Amino acid sequence: MSSNKISKVEQAGASVAESIERAKSSLKRLNAASQPSAAQEPPAPPPAPPSEQQQPNTATAKATKRKGSQQPVEAGLQIVSACMTEPVCLVIANRGAQPADLFGCSVVDHVGKSATSTRLTFTTGKNNSGPFVLRPDESMVFWLAPGRSAGLDLEQPNPYHVYGTTVAGGLSKAKMLVDATDPIILKDPQGVVLSTIVPADCSEAAHAQALANVVIREPQSMPEPEPQPKTKKPKAKAEAKKPKETKAPKSKAAAKSSAKSGAAVSKLLLFQYLTLRTW
């Protein structure tokens, strides 16, 4: 092989090697552009929604407001006594520091039992005119079955004596507190349990003392407004009426004198007339 041919072969081989190197460099640049840099971090995932445990549970609040009521239901309300003998009743006391309104609250029996529960609600009607607000350290008697309790005085005022009624408004005859182990609870209008009692835990002496603590007080009176000073409106002065002029009656003597004067004047005029004629 001649030297010219060898030279051409070597040049072609060098050109091919150079092309291969350029192709490798281009491939490296493409790979580097397609991969994210080490300093770049992947985007953070969106925050997970709060779980039910993180959300506030308003149903267990100590005091709740309800429509049509000016007083909150305080956690200080307690069933302090239960009587199973007729007339069956509960004694409920306000151990809190603020007045508590039981309107809309309910008493439920057969808690945790297979028997159907009876619910009595504090509501106004024919037998309960309301209100049901207990001031601090005040107590009330809640008569559970006044419809079958003969001789029960139904004229005692709310809130110190409240009478259980049916949905229709009549006096309740429900058979409640028939089982000494049957818990009975007091719920607020939202269903939150305020107090629980088991009749077996109540003694007759404790119930008698609880009844003695129910004292009927006068309703809270609103302060009377201060009397405002009365201002008298100036009266228009009545115009003084001018007295009518009254002619005094002439006396008889004045009448005679006037008649004589008139006669004398007539005579004088007649004398002058006659005298002028003679001239």
C-alpha atoms as a PDB file:
ATOM      1  CA  MET A   1       0.000   0.000   0.000  1.00  0.00           C
ATOM      2  CA  SER A   2       1.307   3.358  -0.905  1.00  0.00           C
ATOM      3  CA  SER A   3       1.963   6.037   1.570  1.00  0.00           C
ATOM      4  CA  ASN A   4      -0.816   8.223   0.173  1.00  0.00           C
ATOM      5  CA  LYS A   5      -3.441   5.594   0.802  1.00  0.00           C
ATOM      6  CA  ILE A   6      -2.206   5.042   4.345  1.00  0.00           C
ATOM      7  CA  SER A   7      -2.395   8.727   5.037  1.00  0.00           C
ATOM      8  CA  LYS A   8      -5.994   8.941   3.800  1.00  0.00           C
ATOM      9  CA  VAL A   9      -7.026   5.975   5.951  1.00  0.00           C
ATOM     10  CA  GLU A  10      -5.469   7.565   9.045  1.00  0.00           C
ATOM     11  CA  GLN A  11      -7.268  10.869   8.370  1.00  0.00           C
ATOM     12  CA  ALA A  12     -10.587   9.094   7.964  1.00  0.00           C
ATOM     13  CA  GLY A  13     -10.077   7.199  11.205  1.00  0.00           C
ATOM     14  CA  ALA A  14      -9.230  10.404  13.068  1.00  0.00           C
ATOM     15  CA  SER A  15     -12.359  12.074  11.670  1.00  0.00           C
ATOM     16  CA  VAL A  16     -14.538   9.157  12.806  1.00  0.00           C
ATOM     17  CA  ALA A  17     -13.006   9.250  16.319  1.00  0.00           C
ATOM     18  CA  GLU A  18     -13.648  12.963  16.550  1.00  0.00           C
ATOM     19  CA  SER A  19     -17.280  12.476  15.526  1.00  0.00           C
ATOM     20  CA  ILE A  20     -17.698   9.803  18.187  1.00  0.00           C
ATOM     21  CA  GLU A  21     -16.306  12.110  20.879  1.00  0.00           C
ATOM     22  CA  ARG A  22     -18.655  14.920  19.827  1.00  0.00           C
ATOM     23  CA  ALA A  23     -21.616  12.515  19.965  1.00  0.00           C
ATOM     24  CA  LYS A  24     -20.637  11.417  23.486  1.00  0.00           C
ATOM     25  CA  SER A  25     -20.382  15.046  24.661  1.00  0.00           C
ATOM     26  CA  SER A  26     -23.801  15.855  23.207  1.00  0.00           C
ATOM     27  CA  LEU A  27     -25.306  12.802  24.915  1.00  0.00           C
ATOM     28  CA  LYS A  28     -23.850  13.830  28.293  1.00  0.00           C
ATOM     29  CA  ARG A  29     -25.322  17.331  27.947  1.00  0.00           C
ATOM     30  CA  LEU A  30     -28.744  15.941  27.132  1.00  0.00           C
ATOM     31  CA  ASN A  31     -28.666  13.621  30.178  1.00  0.00           C
ATOM     32  CA  ALA A  32     -27.563  16.472  32.440  1.00  0.00           C
ATOM     33  CA  ALA A  33     -30.409  18.730  31.224  1.00  0.00           C
ATOM     34  CA  SER A  34     -33.084  16.063  31.732  1.00  0.00           C
ATOM     35  CA  GLN A  35     -32.145  15.285  35.385  1.00  0.00           C
ATOM     36  CA  PRO A  36     -33.051  17.776  38.317  1.00  0.00           C
ATOM     37  CA  SER A  37     -30.164  19.348  40.119  1.00  0.00           C
ATOM     38  CA  ALA A  38     -29.178  18.102  43.550  1.00  0.00           C
ATOM     39  CA  ALA A  39     -29.977  21.486  45.150  1.00  0.00           C
ATOM     40  CA  GLN A  40     -33.564  21.482  43.850  1.00  0.00           C
ATOM     41  CA  GLU A  41     -35.997  19.844  46.346  1.00  0.00           C
ATOM     42  CA  PRO A  42     -39.268  18.246  45.302  1.00  0.00           C
ATOM     43  CA  PRO A  43     -42.446  20.266  46.218  1.00  0.00           C
ATOM     44  CA  ALA A  44     -43.859  19.564  49.680  1.00  0.00           C
ATOM     45  CA  PRO A  45     -47.149  17.624  49.769  1.00  0.00           C
ATOM     46  CA  PRO A  46     -50.314  19.621  50.721  1.00  0.00           C
ATOM     47  CA  PRO A  47     -51.164  19.632  54.469  1.00  0.00           C
ATOM     48  CA  ALA A  48     -53.557  16.932  55.553  1.00  0.00           C
ATOM     49  CA  PRO A  49     -57.017  18.067  56.743  1.00  0.00           C
ATOM     50  CA  PRO A  50     -57.417  18.247  60.535  1.00  0.00           C
ATOM     51  CA  SER A  51     -58.666  15.081  62.107  1.00  0.00           C
ATOM     52  CA  GLU A  52     -61.854  14.877  64.151  1.00  0.00           C
ATOM     53  CA  GLN A  53     -59.797  14.822  67.337  1.00  0.00           C
ATOM     54  CA  GLN A  54     -58.207  18.161  66.453  1.00  0.00           C
ATOM     55  CA  GLN A  55     -61.565  19.851  65.878  1.00  0.00           C
ATOM     56  CA  PRO A  56     -63.228  21.402  68.945  1.00  0.00           C
ATOM     57  CA  ASN A  57     -66.098  19.427  70.394  1.00  0.00           C
ATOM     58  CA  THR A  58     -68.721  22.017  71.237  1.00  0.00           C
ATOM     59  CA  ALA A  59     -71.155  19.408  72.521  1.00  0.00           C
ATOM     60  CA  THR A  60     -69.156  18.976  75.730  1.00  0.00           C
ATOM     61  CA  ALA A  61     -68.976  22.639  76.635  1.00  0.00           C
ATOM     62  CA  LYS A  62     -69.849  23.412  80.227  1.00  0.00           C
ATOM     63  CA  ALA A  63     -72.338  26.124  79.342  1.00  0.00           C
ATOM     64  CA  THR A  64     -74.513  26.252  76.224  1.00  0.00           C
ATOM     65  CA  LYS A  65     -76.854  28.909  74.862  1.00  0.00           C
ATOM     66  CA  ARG A  66     -80.222  28.189  73.324  1.00  0.00           C
ATOM     67  CA  LYS A  67     -82.868  30.132  71.505  1.00  0.00           C
ATOM     68  CA  GLY A  68     -85.397  31.942  73.669  1.00  0.00           C
ATOM     69  CA  SER A  69     -83.338  31.732  76.844  1.00  0.00           C
ATOM     70  CA  GLN A  70     -81.437  34.464  78.651  1.00  0.00           C
ATOM     71  CA  GLN A  71     -79.551  32.185  81.031  1.00  0.00           C
ATOM     72  CA  PRO A  72     -76.903  29.546  80.226  1.00  0.00           C
ATOM     73  CA  VAL A  73     -77.157  25.936  81.406  1.00  0.00           C
ATOM     74  CA  GLU A  74     -74.489  25.727  84.086  1.00  0.00           C
ATOM     75  CA  ALA A  75     -72.462  22.616  84.845  1.00  0.00           C
ATOM     76  CA  GLY A  76     -73.335  23.209  88.517  1.00  0.00           C
ATOM     77  CA  LEU A  77     -76.802  21.673  88.108  1.00  0.00           C
ATOM     78  CA  GLN A  78     -77.018  18.401  90.034  1.00  0.00           C
ATOM     79  CA  ILE A  79     -79.648  15.818  90.914  1.00  0.00           C
ATOM     80  CA  VAL A  80     -79.044  15.617  94.659  1.00  0.00           C
ATOM     81  CA  SER A  81     -81.850  13.238  95.641  1.00  0.00           C
ATOM     82  CA  ALA A  82     -84.417  10.789  94.237  1.00  0.00           C
ATOM     83  CA  CYS A  83     -87.509   9.406  95.980  1.00  0.00           C
ATOM     84  CA  MET A  84     -89.039   6.092  94.846  1.00  0.00           C
ATOM     85  CA  THR A  85     -92.108   6.235  97.099  1.00  0.00           C
ATOM     86  CA  GLU A  86     -95.233   8.071  95.984  1.00  0.00           C
ATOM     87  CA  PRO A  87     -95.210  10.815  94.992  1.00  0.00           C
ATOM     88  CA  VAL A  88     -91.989  10.048  93.108  1.00  0.00           C
ATOM     89  CA  CYS A  89     -89.741  13.046  92.578  1.00  0.00           C
ATOM     90  CA  LEU A  90     -86.240  14.393  92.138  1.00  0.00           C
ATOM     91  CA  VAL A  91     -84.511  17.265  93.896  1.00  0.00           C
ATOM     92  CA  ILE A  92     -82.295  19.329  91.587  1.00  0.00           C
ATOM     93  CA  ALA A  93     -79.907  21.963  92.953  1.00  0.00           C
ATOM     94  CA  ASN A  94     -77.778  24.671  91.410  1.00  0.00           C
ATOM     95  CA  ARG A  95     -74.262  24.284  92.834  1.00  0.00           C
ATOM     96  CA  GLY A  96     -72.790  26.777  90.363  1.00  0.00           C
ATOM     97  CA  ALA A  97     -71.920  30.415  90.794  1.00  0.00           C
ATOM     98  CA  GLN A  98     -74.369  31.722  88.167  1.00  0.00           C
ATOM     99  CA  PRO A  99     -78.137  31.416  87.638  1.00  0.00           C
ATOM    100  CA  ALA A 100     -79.103  28.383  85.539  1.00  0.00           C
ATOM    101  CA  ASP A 101     -82.150  28.066  83.293  1.00  0.00           C
ATOM    102  CA  LEU A 102     -83.541  24.517  82.903  1.00  0.00           C
ATOM    103  CA  PHE A 103     -85.929  25.413  80.090  1.00  0.00           C
ATOM    104  CA  GLY A 104     -85.548  22.735  77.417  1.00  0.00           C
ATOM    105  CA  CYS A 105     -83.637  20.360  79.712  1.00  0.00           C
ATOM    106  CA  SER A 106     -84.976  16.830  80.183  1.00  0.00           C
ATOM    107  CA  VAL A 107     -84.965  13.966  82.682  1.00  0.00           C
ATOM    108  CA  VAL A 108     -84.485  10.466  81.239  1.00  0.00           C
ATOM    109  CA  ASP A 109     -84.704   7.076  82.997  1.00  0.00           C
ATOM    110  CA  HIS A 110     -83.758   3.485  82.053  1.00  0.00           C
ATOM    111  CA  VAL A 111     -80.261   4.624  81.094  1.00  0.00           C
ATOM    112  CA  GLY A 112     -78.333   1.629  79.778  1.00  0.00           C
ATOM    113  CA  LYS A 113     -81.358  -0.662  80.234  1.00  0.00           C
ATOM    114  CA  SER A 114     -83.309  -2.630  77.657  1.00  0.00           C
ATOM    115  CA  ALA A 115     -86.594  -0.988  78.706  1.00  0.00           C
ATOM    116  CA  THR A 116     -87.882   2.006  76.770  1.00  0.00           C
ATOM    117  CA  SER A 117     -86.766   5.281  78.328  1.00  0.00           C
ATOM    118  CA  THR A 118     -89.193   7.928  79.524  1.00  0.00           C
ATOM    119  CA  ARG A 119     -88.283  11.549  78.847  1.00  0.00           C
ATOM    120  CA  LEU A 120     -89.802  14.510  80.686  1.00  0.00           C
ATOM    121  CA  THR A 121     -88.887  17.978  79.439  1.00  0.00           C
ATOM    122  CA  PHE A 122     -88.904  21.315  81.246  1.00  0.00           C
ATOM    123  CA  THR A 123     -91.364  23.326  79.183  1.00  0.00           C
ATOM    124  CA  THR A 124     -94.080  25.858  79.838  1.00  0.00           C
ATOM    125  CA  GLY A 125     -97.759  25.048  79.521  1.00  0.00           C
ATOM    126  CA  LYS A 126    -100.989  24.723  81.429  1.00  0.00           C
ATOM    127  CA  ASN A 127     -99.367  23.169  84.498  1.00  0.00           C
ATOM    128  CA  ASN A 128     -96.031  25.004  84.413  1.00  0.00           C
ATOM    129  CA  SER A 129     -96.017  28.724  83.744  1.00  0.00           C
ATOM    130  CA  GLY A 130     -92.240  29.073  84.241  1.00  0.00           C
ATOM    131  CA  PRO A 131     -89.632  30.356  84.512  1.00  0.00           C
ATOM    132  CA  PHE A 132     -87.227  27.506  85.437  1.00  0.00           C
ATOM    133  CA  VAL A 133     -84.253  29.641  86.508  1.00  0.00           C
ATOM    134  CA  LEU A 134     -82.460  28.550  89.673  1.00  0.00           C
ATOM    135  CA  ARG A 135     -80.202  31.034  91.378  1.00  0.00           C
ATOM    136  CA  PRO A 136     -76.993  29.818  93.061  1.00  0.00           C
ATOM    137  CA  ASP A 137     -77.666  27.492  96.040  1.00  0.00           C
ATOM    138  CA  GLU A 138     -81.361  27.186  95.144  1.00  0.00           C
ATOM    139  CA  SER A 139     -83.168  23.844  94.727  1.00  0.00           C
ATOM    140  CA  MET A 140     -86.319  22.597  93.030  1.00  0.00           C
ATOM    141  CA  VAL A 141     -88.548  19.517  93.277  1.00  0.00           C
ATOM    142  CA  PHE A 142     -89.344  17.850  89.968  1.00  0.00           C
ATOM    143  CA  TRP A 143     -92.492  15.746  90.390  1.00  0.00           C
ATOM    144  CA  LEU A 144     -92.202  12.880  87.898  1.00  0.00           C
ATOM    145  CA  ALA A 145     -95.769  11.490  87.929  1.00  0.00           C
ATOM    146  CA  PRO A 146     -98.143  14.150  89.298  1.00  0.00           C
ATOM    147  CA  GLY A 147    -101.021  12.680  87.261  1.00  0.00           C
ATOM    148  CA  ARG A 148    -101.179   9.584  89.479  1.00  0.00           C
ATOM    149  CA  SER A 149    -100.218  11.213  92.789  1.00  0.00           C
ATOM    150  CA  ALA A 150    -103.458  11.912  94.640  1.00  0.00           C
ATOM    151  CA  GLY A 151    -103.385  14.819  97.044  1.00  0.00           C
ATOM    152  CA  LEU A 152    -100.326  16.471  95.482  1.00  0.00           C
ATOM    153  CA  ASP A 153    -100.488  20.265  95.692  1.00  0.00           C
ATOM    154  CA  LEU A 154    -100.339  21.473  92.095  1.00  0.00           C
ATOM    155  CA  GLU A 155    -100.392  25.166  92.999  1.00  0.00           C
ATOM    156  CA  GLN A 156     -96.767  25.466  94.098  1.00  0.00           C
ATOM    157  CA  PRO A 157     -94.879  28.004  91.959  1.00  0.00           C
ATOM    158  CA  ASN A 158     -92.126  27.416  89.438  1.00  0.00           C
ATOM    159  CA  PRO A 159     -89.188  27.094  89.548  1.00  0.00           C
ATOM    160  CA  TYR A 160     -89.251  25.589  93.039  1.00  0.00           C
ATOM    161  CA  HIS A 161     -91.891  22.990  92.141  1.00  0.00           C
ATOM    162  CA  VAL A 162     -92.056  21.693  88.563  1.00  0.00           C
ATOM    163  CA  TYR A 163     -94.606  19.099  87.404  1.00  0.00           C
ATOM    164  CA  GLY A 164     -93.788  16.462  84.800  1.00  0.00           C
ATOM    165  CA  THR A 165     -96.022  16.714  81.742  1.00  0.00           C
ATOM    166  CA  THR A 166     -96.633  14.735  78.574  1.00  0.00           C
ATOM    167  CA  VAL A 167     -95.970  15.968  75.057  1.00  0.00           C
ATOM    168  CA  ALA A 168     -99.639  16.942  74.826  1.00  0.00           C
ATOM    169  CA  GLY A 169     -99.304  19.062  77.985  1.00  0.00           C
ATOM    170  CA  GLY A 170    -101.184  16.841  80.460  1.00  0.00           C
ATOM    171  CA  LEU A 171     -99.815  15.704  83.801  1.00  0.00           C
ATOM    172  CA  SER A 172     -97.485  12.740  83.493  1.00  0.00           C
ATOM    173  CA  LYS A 173     -98.496   9.306  84.820  1.00  0.00           C
ATOM    174  CA  ALA A 174     -95.275   7.595  83.760  1.00  0.00           C
ATOM    175  CA  LYS A 175     -93.947   4.822  86.005  1.00  0.00           C
ATOM    176  CA  MET A 176     -90.500   6.144  86.768  1.00  0.00           C
ATOM    177  CA  LEU A 177     -88.061   5.221  89.545  1.00  0.00           C
ATOM    178  CA  VAL A 178     -89.436   1.681  89.815  1.00  0.00           C
ATOM    179  CA  ASP A 179     -85.963   0.101  89.883  1.00  0.00           C
ATOM    180  CA  ALA A 180     -83.508   1.144  92.578  1.00  0.00           C
ATOM    181  CA  THR A 181     -80.592   0.364  90.272  1.00  0.00           C
ATOM    182  CA  ASP A 182     -82.042   2.280  87.332  1.00  0.00           C
ATOM    183  CA  PRO A 183     -79.927   5.397  86.685  1.00  0.00           C
ATOM    184  CA  ILE A 184     -81.760   8.608  85.875  1.00  0.00           C
ATOM    185  CA  ILE A 185     -80.028  11.511  84.177  1.00  0.00           C
ATOM    186  CA  LEU A 186     -80.483  15.231  83.575  1.00  0.00           C
ATOM    187  CA  LYS A 187     -79.650  16.450  80.051  1.00  0.00           C
ATOM    188  CA  ASP A 188     -79.372  19.918  78.583  1.00  0.00           C
ATOM    189  CA  PRO A 189     -81.268  20.831  75.372  1.00  0.00           C
ATOM    190  CA  GLN A 190     -78.324  19.637  73.238  1.00  0.00           C
ATOM    191  CA  GLY A 191     -78.295  16.205  74.918  1.00  0.00           C
ATOM    192  CA  VAL A 192     -75.208  16.790  77.080  1.00  0.00           C
ATOM    193  CA  VAL A 193     -75.479  14.912  80.397  1.00  0.00           C
ATOM    194  CA  LEU A 194     -75.403  17.348  83.302  1.00  0.00           C
ATOM    195  CA  SER A 195     -75.999  14.975  86.208  1.00  0.00           C
ATOM    196  CA  THR A 196     -76.734  11.303  86.980  1.00  0.00           C
ATOM    197  CA  ILE A 197     -78.170   9.631  90.049  1.00  0.00           C
ATOM    198  CA  VAL A 198     -79.026   6.058  91.085  1.00  0.00           C
ATOM    199  CA  PRO A 199     -82.006   5.816  93.504  1.00  0.00           C
ATOM    200  CA  ALA A 200     -80.276   3.075  95.500  1.00  0.00           C
ATOM    201  CA  ASP A 201     -77.651   5.612  96.548  1.00  0.00           C
ATOM    202  CA  CYS A 202     -80.241   7.895  98.197  1.00  0.00           C
ATOM    203  CA  SER A 203     -81.353   7.468 101.802  1.00  0.00           C
ATOM    204  CA  GLU A 204     -84.651   8.662 103.252  1.00  0.00           C
ATOM    205  CA  ALA A 205     -82.833  11.021 105.616  1.00  0.00           C
ATOM    206  CA  ALA A 206     -80.838  12.562 102.777  1.00  0.00           C
ATOM    207  CA  HIS A 207     -84.000  13.002 100.691  1.00  0.00           C
ATOM    208  CA  ALA A 208     -85.822  14.641 103.603  1.00  0.00           C
ATOM    209  CA  GLN A 209     -82.940  17.074 104.024  1.00  0.00           C
ATOM    210  CA  ALA A 210     -82.924  17.804 100.298  1.00  0.00           C
ATOM    211  CA  LEU A 211     -86.652  18.596 100.414  1.00  0.00           C
ATOM    212  CA  ALA A 212     -86.077  20.876 103.392  1.00  0.00           C
ATOM    213  CA  ASN A 213     -83.539  22.845 101.341  1.00  0.00           C
ATOM    214  CA  VAL A 214     -86.193  23.727  98.764  1.00  0.00           C
ATOM    215  CA  VAL A 215     -87.174  27.219  99.871  1.00  0.00           C
ATOM    216  CA  ILE A 216     -89.659  29.262  97.895  1.00  0.00           C
ATOM    217  CA  ARG A 217     -88.284  32.747  97.433  1.00  0.00           C
ATOM    218  CA  GLU A 218     -89.731  35.863  95.976  1.00  0.00           C
ATOM    219  CA  PRO A 219     -88.881  36.352  92.309  1.00  0.00           C
ATOM    220  CA  GLN A 220     -86.039  38.684  91.598  1.00  0.00           C
ATOM    221  CA  SER A 221     -87.414  42.173  91.194  1.00  0.00           C
ATOM    222  CA  MET A 222     -86.024  44.677  88.780  1.00  0.00           C
ATOM    223  CA  PRO A 223     -84.865  48.002  90.285  1.00  0.00           C
ATOM    224  CA  GLU A 224     -87.500  50.656  89.953  1.00  0.00           C
ATOM    225  CA  PRO A 225     -86.536  53.641  87.822  1.00  0.00           C
ATOM    226  CA  GLU A 226     -85.853  56.864  89.649  1.00  0.00           C
ATOM    227  CA  PRO A 227     -88.843  59.225  89.588  1.00  0.00           C
ATOM    228  CA  GLN A 228     -88.410  62.071  87.179  1.00  0.00           C
ATOM    229  CA  PRO A 229     -89.239  65.581  88.416  1.00  0.00           C
ATOM    230  CA  LYS A 230     -92.540  66.747  87.103  1.00  0.00           C
ATOM    231  CA  THR A 231     -92.472  69.975  85.145  1.00  0.00           C
ATOM    232  CA  LYS A 232     -95.617  72.035  85.091  1.00  0.00           C
ATOM    233  CA  LYS A 233     -96.524  73.558  81.799  1.00  0.00           C
ATOM    234  CA  PRO A 234     -97.285  77.259  82.031  1.00  0.00           C
ATOM    235  CA  LYS A 235    -100.961  77.847  81.620  1.00  0.00           C
ATOM    236  CA  ALA A 236    -102.122  80.588  79.317  1.00  0.00           C
ATOM    237  CA  LYS A 237    -103.478  83.492  81.287  1.00  0.00           C
ATOM    238  CA  ALA A 238    -107.150  83.883  80.775  1.00  0.00           C
ATOM    239  CA  GLU A 239    -108.091  87.259  79.521  1.00  0.00           C
ATOM    240  CA  ALA A 240    -109.838  89.239  82.180  1.00  0.00           C
ATOM    241  CA  LYS A 241    -113.403  89.829  81.202  1.00  0.00           C
ATOM    242  CA  LYS A 242    -114.505  93.402  81.389  1.00  0.00           C
ATOM    243  CA  PRO A 243    -117.467  93.790  83.646  1.00  0.00           C
ATOM    244  CA  LYS A 244    -120.579  94.909  81.892  1.00  0.00           C
ATOM    245  CA  GLU A 245    -121.681  98.390  82.665  1.00  0.00           C
ATOM    246  CA  THR A 246    -124.881  98.300  84.585  1.00  0.00           C
ATOM    247  CA  LYS A 247    -127.062 101.335  84.827  1.00  0.00           C
ATOM    248  CA  ALA A 248    -128.064 102.050  88.325  1.00  0.00           C
ATOM    249  CA  PRO A 249    -131.826 102.373  88.721  1.00  0.00           C
ATOM    250  CA  LYS A 250    -132.989 105.930  89.274  1.00  0.00           C
ATOM    251  CA  SER A 251    -134.558 106.694  92.524  1.00  0.00           C
ATOM    252  CA  LYS A 252    -137.988 108.306  92.714  1.00  0.00           C
ATOM    253  CA  ALA A 253    -136.524 111.576  94.019  1.00  0.00           C
ATOM    254  CA  ALA A 254    -134.112 111.785  91.107  1.00  0.00           C
ATOM    255  CA  ALA A 255    -136.961 111.080  88.720  1.00  0.00           C
ATOM    256  CA  LYS A 256    -139.053 113.912  90.185  1.00  0.00           C
ATOM    257  CA  SER A 257    -136.083 116.298  90.080  1.00  0.00           C
ATOM    258  CA  SER A 258    -135.447 115.438  86.473  1.00  0.00           C
ATOM    259  CA  ALA A 259    -139.110 116.027  85.632  1.00  0.00           C
ATOM    260  CA  LYS A 260    -139.102 119.431  87.345  1.00  0.00           C
ATOM    261  CA  SER A 261    -135.914 120.445  85.532  1.00  0.00           C
ATOM    262  CA  GLY A 262    -137.490 119.511  82.234  1.00  0.00           C
ATOM    263  CA  ALA A 263    -140.628 121.540  82.987  1.00  0.00           C
ATOM    264  CA  ALA A 264    -138.575 124.569  83.987  1.00  0.00           C
ATOM    265  CA  VAL A 265    -136.566 124.434  80.763  1.00  0.00           C
ATOM    266  CA  SER A 266    -139.792 124.200  78.759  1.00  0.00           C
ATOM    267  CA  LYS A 267    -141.240 127.252  80.499  1.00  0.00           C
ATOM    268  CA  LEU A 268    -138.046 129.228  79.908  1.00  0.00           C
ATOM    269  CA  LEU A 269    -138.057 128.450  76.217  1.00  0.00           C
ATOM    270  CA  LEU A 270    -141.752 129.416  75.942  1.00  0.00           C
ATOM    271  CA  PHE A 271    -141.096 132.736  77.721  1.00  0.00           C
ATOM    272  CA  GLN A 272    -138.239 133.577  75.351  1.00  0.00           C
ATOM    273  CA  TYR A 273    -140.384 132.760  72.354  1.00  0.00           C
ATOM    274  CA  LEU A 274    -143.224 135.012  73.524  1.00  0.00           C
ATOM    275  CA  THR A 275    -140.824 137.847  74.326  1.00  0.00           C
ATOM    276  CA  LEU A 276    -139.348 137.760  70.855  1.00  0.00           C
ATOM    277  CA  ARG A 277    -142.775 137.988  69.253  1.00  0.00           C
ATOM    278  CA  THR A 278    -143.658 141.111  71.212  1.00  0.00           C
ATOM    279  CA  TRP A 279    -140.598 142.814  69.844  1.00  0.00           C
END
